[in-house]
Amino acid sequence: MPPRSRLEALILTFIAERPRKLTAADLARELAVDVELVVRLCHDLETAGLISQR
């Protein structure tokens, strides 16, 4: 069954690249770090005037 979204495809790729099976808690921890990085990056880009929240 193909992924339903780009996000699902990214998550499935992320899981497939790990040497061991991930638990739901492992995945949540990894994704929380990624979300935090994206939020910081977006804030920096907005501050630099490169993107807008609107």
N, C-alpha and C. Protein backbone atom coordinates (compact mmCIF):
# COMPACT_ATOMS: atom_id res chain seq x y z
N MET A 1 0.85 -1.18 0.00
CA MET A 1 0.00 0.00 0.00
C MET A 1 0.89 1.25 0.00
N PRO A 2 0.70 2.14 -0.96
CA PRO A 2 1.54 3.34 -1.03
C PRO A 2 1.23 4.32 0.10
N PRO A 3 2.20 5.15 0.47
CA PRO A 3 1.96 6.16 1.51
C PRO A 3 0.84 7.11 1.08
N ARG A 4 0.09 7.59 2.05
CA ARG A 4 -1.03 8.49 1.77
C ARG A 4 -0.60 9.94 1.69
N SER A 5 0.59 10.25 2.18
CA SER A 5 1.05 11.64 2.17
C SER A 5 2.58 11.67 2.13
N ARG A 6 3.12 12.84 1.86
CA ARG A 6 4.57 12.99 1.88
C ARG A 6 5.11 12.76 3.28
N LEU A 7 4.36 13.22 4.29
CA LEU A 7 4.79 13.02 5.67
C LEU A 7 4.86 11.54 6.01
N GLU A 8 3.84 10.80 5.62
CA GLU A 8 3.84 9.36 5.88
C GLU A 8 5.01 8.69 5.16
N ALA A 9 5.30 9.11 3.94
CA ALA A 9 6.43 8.56 3.19
C ALA A 9 7.74 8.85 3.90
N LEU A 10 7.90 10.06 4.42
CA LEU A 10 9.11 10.41 5.16
C LEU A 10 9.27 9.57 6.42
N ILE A 11 8.16 9.39 7.14
CA ILE A 11 8.21 8.59 8.37
C ILE A 11 8.56 7.14 8.05
N LEU A 12 7.96 6.59 7.00
CA LEU A 12 8.25 5.21 6.63
C LEU A 12 9.71 5.05 6.21
N THR A 13 10.24 6.03 5.49
CA THR A 13 11.65 6.00 5.10
C THR A 13 12.54 6.08 6.33
N PHE A 14 12.18 6.97 7.24
CA PHE A 14 12.94 7.14 8.49
C PHE A 14 13.00 5.81 9.24
N ILE A 15 11.88 5.14 9.36
CA ILE A 15 11.82 3.86 10.08
C ILE A 15 12.65 2.80 9.35
N ALA A 16 12.54 2.76 8.03
CA ALA A 16 13.25 1.74 7.25
C ALA A 16 14.76 1.89 7.33
N GLU A 17 15.24 3.11 7.56
CA GLU A 17 16.68 3.36 7.61
C GLU A 17 17.30 3.04 8.96
N ARG A 18 16.51 2.71 9.95
CA ARG A 18 17.04 2.41 11.28
C ARG A 18 17.50 0.96 11.35
N PRO A 19 18.63 0.72 12.03
CA PRO A 19 19.16 -0.64 12.11
C PRO A 19 18.34 -1.57 13.01
N ARG A 20 17.52 -1.02 13.85
CA ARG A 20 16.70 -1.86 14.73
C ARG A 20 15.26 -1.37 14.67
N LYS A 21 14.37 -2.19 15.15
CA LYS A 21 12.96 -1.81 15.15
C LYS A 21 12.72 -0.67 16.13
N LEU A 22 11.95 0.31 15.71
CA LEU A 22 11.60 1.42 16.59
C LEU A 22 10.31 1.13 17.32
N THR A 23 10.24 1.59 18.55
CA THR A 23 8.97 1.55 19.27
C THR A 23 8.24 2.85 18.98
N ALA A 24 6.99 2.93 19.34
CA ALA A 24 6.23 4.16 19.17
C ALA A 24 6.89 5.30 19.95
N ALA A 25 7.41 4.99 21.14
CA ALA A 25 8.08 6.01 21.95
C ALA A 25 9.35 6.51 21.28
N ASP A 26 10.13 5.58 20.67
CA ASP A 26 11.33 5.97 19.93
C ASP A 26 10.98 6.94 18.80
N LEU A 27 9.96 6.58 18.04
CA LEU A 27 9.55 7.40 16.91
C LEU A 27 9.08 8.77 17.39
N ALA A 28 8.31 8.81 18.46
CA ALA A 28 7.83 10.08 19.00
C ALA A 28 9.00 10.97 19.42
N ARG A 29 9.99 10.38 20.07
CA ARG A 29 11.18 11.16 20.48
C ARG A 29 11.91 11.71 19.27
N GLU A 30 12.13 10.87 18.27
CA GLU A 30 12.85 11.31 17.06
C GLU A 30 12.08 12.40 16.33
N LEU A 31 10.77 12.23 16.20
CA LEU A 31 9.97 13.22 15.49
C LEU A 31 9.88 14.53 16.27
N ALA A 32 9.85 14.45 17.58
CA ALA A 32 9.80 15.67 18.40
C ALA A 32 11.04 16.51 18.15
N VAL A 33 12.19 15.86 18.05
CA VAL A 33 13.43 16.59 17.76
C VAL A 33 13.33 17.23 16.38
N ASP A 34 12.86 16.49 15.39
CA ASP A 34 12.75 17.03 14.05
C ASP A 34 11.78 18.20 14.00
N VAL A 35 10.65 18.11 14.68
CA VAL A 35 9.67 19.19 14.71
C VAL A 35 10.29 20.43 15.34
N GLU A 36 11.02 20.24 16.43
CA GLU A 36 11.67 21.37 17.09
C GLU A 36 12.66 22.05 16.14
N LEU A 37 13.42 21.28 15.40
CA LEU A 37 14.37 21.84 14.44
C LEU A 37 13.66 22.62 13.34
N VAL A 38 12.55 22.09 12.84
CA VAL A 38 11.79 22.77 11.79
C VAL A 38 11.22 24.08 12.32
N VAL A 39 10.69 24.07 13.53
CA VAL A 39 10.14 25.30 14.12
C VAL A 39 11.23 26.35 14.25
N ARG A 40 12.40 25.96 14.73
CA ARG A 40 13.52 26.91 14.86
C ARG A 40 13.96 27.44 13.50
N LEU A 41 14.06 26.55 12.53
CA LEU A 41 14.46 26.96 11.19
C LEU A 41 13.46 27.96 10.61
N CYS A 42 12.17 27.67 10.74
CA CYS A 42 11.14 28.58 10.22
C CYS A 42 11.21 29.93 10.92
N HIS A 43 11.44 29.93 12.21
CA HIS A 43 11.57 31.19 12.95
C HIS A 43 12.75 31.99 12.42
N ASP A 44 13.88 31.32 12.22
CA ASP A 44 15.08 32.00 11.70
C ASP A 44 14.84 32.54 10.29
N LEU A 45 14.18 31.76 9.45
CA LEU A 45 13.89 32.21 8.09
C LEU A 45 12.93 33.39 8.08
N GLU A 46 11.95 33.35 8.97
CA GLU A 46 11.00 34.47 9.06
C GLU A 46 11.71 35.72 9.56
N THR A 47 12.56 35.57 10.57
CA THR A 47 13.32 36.70 11.11
C THR A 47 14.20 37.32 10.02
N ALA A 48 14.74 36.49 9.16
CA ALA A 48 15.60 36.97 8.08
C ALA A 48 14.78 37.54 6.91
N GLY A 49 13.46 37.45 7.01
CA GLY A 49 12.60 37.98 5.95
C GLY A 49 12.48 37.08 4.73
N LEU A 50 12.88 35.83 4.88
CA LEU A 50 12.85 34.91 3.74
C LEU A 50 11.52 34.19 3.57
N ILE A 51 10.76 34.08 4.65
CA ILE A 51 9.43 33.48 4.59
C ILE A 51 8.47 34.31 5.42
N SER A 52 7.18 34.07 5.22
CA SER A 52 6.15 34.76 5.99
C SER A 52 5.17 33.73 6.53
N GLN A 53 4.64 33.97 7.70
CA GLN A 53 3.64 33.05 8.27
C GLN A 53 2.29 33.24 7.61
N ARG A 54 2.12 34.29 6.87
CA ARG A 54 0.82 34.56 6.24
C ARG A 54 0.74 34.00 4.86
